[in-house]
Amino acid sequence: MFNPFKNLKIKVTPSNNKAIKIMYLSLGIFFVVIGTLGLIIPIMPGFIFLIPGAYCLAKASTRLHNRMKTHRHIGKYFHKHED
C-alpha cells in the first residue's frame, strides 16, 4: 500500500512564551472537542480535527506531549513521524 507520509518527520517542541502556550492549549482543546464530536456525529469528519488538536496540545505542554507519545493507542503514530 502506498503511503505518502512514510518518510515524514515532524519535530514538535513546546513554546516558551506563556501567551503562546495558552493559545495553543485553547486551540488544542477546541480541535479535540470538535474532533470527538465528529467521531460521534456521522455528518462531520472527526479525524481531520484531531490531528491539529494533537499538534496544538503538544506545542502547549511538555507533559501533554510526553503523555501523547506514550499513549497506548496514538503513541505509535507519534513515534513514526517524530525525530
N, C-alpha and C. Protein backbone atom coordinates (compact mmCIF):
# COMPACT_ATOMS: atom_id res chain seq x y z
N MET A 1 0.84 -1.18 0.00
CA MET A 1 0.00 0.00 0.00
C MET A 1 0.89 1.24 0.00
N PHE A 2 0.55 2.20 -0.84
CA PHE A 2 1.31 3.43 -0.96
C PHE A 2 1.03 4.34 0.22
N ASN A 3 2.07 4.83 0.88
CA ASN A 3 1.93 5.74 1.99
C ASN A 3 2.77 6.98 1.71
N PRO A 4 2.13 8.11 1.35
CA PRO A 4 2.90 9.31 1.03
C PRO A 4 3.57 9.94 2.25
N PHE A 5 3.15 9.58 3.46
CA PHE A 5 3.71 10.15 4.67
C PHE A 5 4.74 9.24 5.34
N LYS A 6 5.23 8.26 4.61
CA LYS A 6 6.14 7.28 5.18
C LYS A 6 7.40 7.92 5.74
N ASN A 7 7.99 8.86 5.02
CA ASN A 7 9.24 9.48 5.45
C ASN A 7 9.04 10.85 6.08
N LEU A 8 7.82 11.21 6.45
CA LEU A 8 7.53 12.49 7.06
C LEU A 8 8.03 12.50 8.50
N LYS A 9 8.85 13.47 8.84
CA LYS A 9 9.36 13.62 10.21
C LYS A 9 8.96 15.00 10.72
N ILE A 10 8.36 15.05 11.90
CA ILE A 10 7.90 16.30 12.49
C ILE A 10 8.58 16.46 13.85
N LYS A 11 9.19 17.60 14.06
CA LYS A 11 9.82 17.92 15.34
C LYS A 11 8.91 18.91 16.07
N VAL A 12 8.35 18.49 17.19
CA VAL A 12 7.44 19.33 17.96
C VAL A 12 8.11 19.70 19.26
N THR A 13 8.36 20.99 19.46
CA THR A 13 8.91 21.46 20.73
C THR A 13 7.94 22.47 21.32
N PRO A 14 7.60 22.31 22.58
CA PRO A 14 6.67 23.24 23.22
C PRO A 14 7.22 24.67 23.24
N SER A 15 6.33 25.63 23.20
CA SER A 15 6.70 27.04 23.19
C SER A 15 7.11 27.48 24.60
N ASN A 16 7.95 28.51 24.69
CA ASN A 16 8.37 29.06 25.98
C ASN A 16 7.53 30.26 26.39
N ASN A 17 6.84 30.89 25.46
CA ASN A 17 6.03 32.06 25.73
C ASN A 17 4.69 31.63 26.34
N LYS A 18 4.33 32.23 27.50
CA LYS A 18 3.11 31.81 28.19
C LYS A 18 1.85 32.12 27.39
N ALA A 19 1.80 33.27 26.71
CA ALA A 19 0.63 33.63 25.90
C ALA A 19 0.46 32.65 24.74
N ILE A 20 1.55 32.26 24.13
CA ILE A 20 1.50 31.30 23.03
C ILE A 20 1.04 29.94 23.54
N LYS A 21 1.51 29.54 24.72
CA LYS A 21 1.09 28.27 25.30
C LYS A 21 -0.41 28.25 25.55
N ILE A 22 -0.95 29.36 26.07
CA ILE A 22 -2.40 29.43 26.33
C ILE A 22 -3.17 29.36 25.02
N MET A 23 -2.66 30.03 23.99
CA MET A 23 -3.31 29.98 22.68
C MET A 23 -3.32 28.56 22.13
N TYR A 24 -2.16 27.88 22.17
CA TYR A 24 -2.08 26.51 21.68
C TYR A 24 -2.97 25.58 22.50
N LEU A 25 -3.00 25.77 23.82
CA LEU A 25 -3.83 24.92 24.67
C LEU A 25 -5.30 25.09 24.35
N SER A 26 -5.76 26.34 24.20
CA SER A 26 -7.18 26.56 23.90
C SER A 26 -7.54 26.04 22.50
N LEU A 27 -6.66 26.27 21.52
CA LEU A 27 -6.91 25.72 20.18
C LEU A 27 -6.91 24.19 20.19
N GLY A 28 -5.98 23.61 20.94
CA GLY A 28 -5.91 22.15 21.03
C GLY A 28 -7.16 21.55 21.64
N ILE A 29 -7.64 22.15 22.72
CA ILE A 29 -8.86 21.65 23.35
C ILE A 29 -10.05 21.80 22.41
N PHE A 30 -10.13 22.96 21.72
CA PHE A 30 -11.20 23.18 20.77
C PHE A 30 -11.20 22.12 19.67
N PHE A 31 -10.04 21.87 19.07
CA PHE A 31 -9.95 20.89 17.99
C PHE A 31 -10.26 19.47 18.47
N VAL A 32 -9.81 19.13 19.66
CA VAL A 32 -10.07 17.77 20.18
C VAL A 32 -11.56 17.60 20.47
N VAL A 33 -12.20 18.62 21.01
CA VAL A 33 -13.64 18.52 21.28
C VAL A 33 -14.41 18.40 19.97
N ILE A 34 -14.09 19.25 19.00
CA ILE A 34 -14.76 19.17 17.70
C ILE A 34 -14.47 17.82 17.02
N GLY A 35 -13.24 17.34 17.14
CA GLY A 35 -12.89 16.04 16.56
C GLY A 35 -13.63 14.90 17.21
N THR A 36 -13.77 14.96 18.53
CA THR A 36 -14.51 13.92 19.23
C THR A 36 -15.99 13.94 18.83
N LEU A 37 -16.56 15.14 18.72
CA LEU A 37 -17.94 15.23 18.23
C LEU A 37 -18.05 14.69 16.81
N GLY A 38 -17.05 14.95 16.01
CA GLY A 38 -17.05 14.44 14.63
C GLY A 38 -16.98 12.93 14.56
N LEU A 39 -16.33 12.31 15.53
CA LEU A 39 -16.30 10.85 15.56
C LEU A 39 -17.64 10.26 15.97
N ILE A 40 -18.38 11.02 16.78
CA ILE A 40 -19.69 10.54 17.25
C ILE A 40 -20.78 10.84 16.23
N ILE A 41 -20.76 12.07 15.68
CA ILE A 41 -21.77 12.50 14.72
C ILE A 41 -21.30 12.13 13.31
N PRO A 42 -22.06 11.34 12.59
CA PRO A 42 -21.58 10.86 11.28
C PRO A 42 -21.55 11.93 10.18
N ILE A 43 -22.13 13.10 10.40
CA ILE A 43 -22.15 14.14 9.37
C ILE A 43 -20.78 14.81 9.22
N MET A 44 -20.06 14.93 10.31
CA MET A 44 -18.81 15.70 10.37
C MET A 44 -17.61 14.77 10.48
N PRO A 45 -16.53 15.01 9.73
CA PRO A 45 -15.34 14.18 9.89
C PRO A 45 -14.59 14.55 11.17
N GLY A 46 -14.25 13.58 11.97
CA GLY A 46 -13.61 13.86 13.25
C GLY A 46 -12.10 13.80 13.22
N PHE A 47 -11.57 12.88 12.43
CA PHE A 47 -10.13 12.66 12.43
C PHE A 47 -9.36 13.89 11.93
N ILE A 48 -9.98 14.64 11.03
CA ILE A 48 -9.33 15.84 10.49
C ILE A 48 -9.10 16.88 11.58
N PHE A 49 -9.97 16.94 12.57
CA PHE A 49 -9.82 17.90 13.66
C PHE A 49 -8.91 17.37 14.77
N LEU A 50 -8.78 16.07 14.89
CA LEU A 50 -7.93 15.52 15.94
C LEU A 50 -6.44 15.73 15.66
N ILE A 51 -6.05 15.76 14.41
CA ILE A 51 -4.64 15.94 14.06
C ILE A 51 -4.13 17.32 14.49
N PRO A 52 -4.79 18.44 14.10
CA PRO A 52 -4.29 19.72 14.59
C PRO A 52 -4.47 19.88 16.10
N GLY A 53 -5.47 19.22 16.67
CA GLY A 53 -5.64 19.26 18.12
C GLY A 53 -4.47 18.64 18.85
N ALA A 54 -4.01 17.50 18.37
CA ALA A 54 -2.86 16.84 18.98
C ALA A 54 -1.60 17.68 18.81
N TYR A 55 -1.44 18.31 17.65
CA TYR A 55 -0.28 19.17 17.41
C TYR A 55 -0.29 20.37 18.36
N CYS A 56 -1.44 21.03 18.49
CA CYS A 56 -1.53 22.20 19.36
C CYS A 56 -1.30 21.84 20.83
N LEU A 57 -1.84 20.71 21.26
CA LEU A 57 -1.61 20.30 22.64
C LEU A 57 -0.15 19.94 22.89
N ALA A 58 0.50 19.39 21.89
CA ALA A 58 1.92 19.07 22.03
C ALA A 58 2.76 20.35 22.11
N LYS A 59 2.35 21.39 21.38
CA LYS A 59 3.07 22.67 21.43
C LYS A 59 2.78 23.42 22.73
N ALA A 60 1.67 23.12 23.39
CA ALA A 60 1.29 23.84 24.60
C ALA A 60 2.02 23.33 25.84
N SER A 61 2.31 22.04 25.89
CA SER A 61 2.82 21.49 27.14
C SER A 61 3.74 20.29 26.89
N THR A 62 4.86 20.30 27.58
CA THR A 62 5.78 19.16 27.51
C THR A 62 5.13 17.92 28.11
N ARG A 63 4.38 18.12 29.20
CA ARG A 63 3.72 16.99 29.86
C ARG A 63 2.69 16.34 28.94
N LEU A 64 1.87 17.17 28.27
CA LEU A 64 0.88 16.63 27.34
C LEU A 64 1.56 15.95 26.15
N HIS A 65 2.65 16.53 25.69
CA HIS A 65 3.39 15.94 24.58
C HIS A 65 3.92 14.56 24.94
N ASN A 66 4.54 14.45 26.11
CA ASN A 66 5.05 13.15 26.56
C ASN A 66 3.93 12.16 26.81
N ARG A 67 2.80 12.65 27.29
CA ARG A 67 1.66 11.76 27.54
C ARG A 67 1.10 11.20 26.24
N MET A 68 1.04 12.05 25.21
CA MET A 68 0.55 11.57 23.91
C MET A 68 1.54 10.59 23.28
N LYS A 69 2.84 10.83 23.45
CA LYS A 69 3.84 9.93 22.88
C LYS A 69 3.80 8.56 23.53
N THR A 70 3.44 8.49 24.80
CA THR A 70 3.41 7.20 25.50
C THR A 70 2.02 6.57 25.56
N HIS A 71 1.04 7.21 24.95
CA HIS A 71 -0.32 6.67 24.95
C HIS A 71 -0.34 5.35 24.16
N ARG A 72 -1.07 4.39 24.64
CA ARG A 72 -1.02 3.05 24.02
C ARG A 72 -1.66 3.00 22.64
N HIS A 73 -2.62 3.89 22.35
CA HIS A 73 -3.27 3.85 21.05
C HIS A 73 -2.65 4.80 20.03
N ILE A 74 -2.39 6.03 20.44
CA ILE A 74 -1.88 7.02 19.47
C ILE A 74 -0.38 7.22 19.54
N GLY A 75 0.27 6.68 20.55
CA GLY A 75 1.71 6.86 20.69
C GLY A 75 2.52 6.30 19.54
N LYS A 76 2.06 5.22 18.95
CA LYS A 76 2.79 4.61 17.84
C LYS A 76 2.84 5.53 16.62
N TYR A 77 1.80 6.36 16.43
CA TYR A 77 1.80 7.29 15.31
C TYR A 77 2.77 8.44 15.54
N PHE A 78 2.96 8.83 16.79
CA PHE A 78 3.92 9.88 17.09
C PHE A 78 5.35 9.39 16.87
N HIS A 79 5.63 8.15 17.22
CA HIS A 79 6.98 7.61 17.04
C HIS A 79 7.33 7.47 15.56
N LYS A 80 6.33 7.26 14.72
CA LYS A 80 6.59 7.13 13.28
C LYS A 80 7.00 8.45 12.67
N HIS A 81 6.43 9.56 13.15
CA HIS A 81 6.59 10.84 12.47
C HIS A 81 7.37 11.88 13.27
N GLU A 82 8.04 11.47 14.32
CA GLU A 82 8.77 12.42 15.13
C GLU A 82 10.23 12.02 15.23
N ASP A 83 11.10 13.04 15.22
CA ASP A 83 12.55 12.77 15.35
C ASP A 83 12.89 12.37 16.75
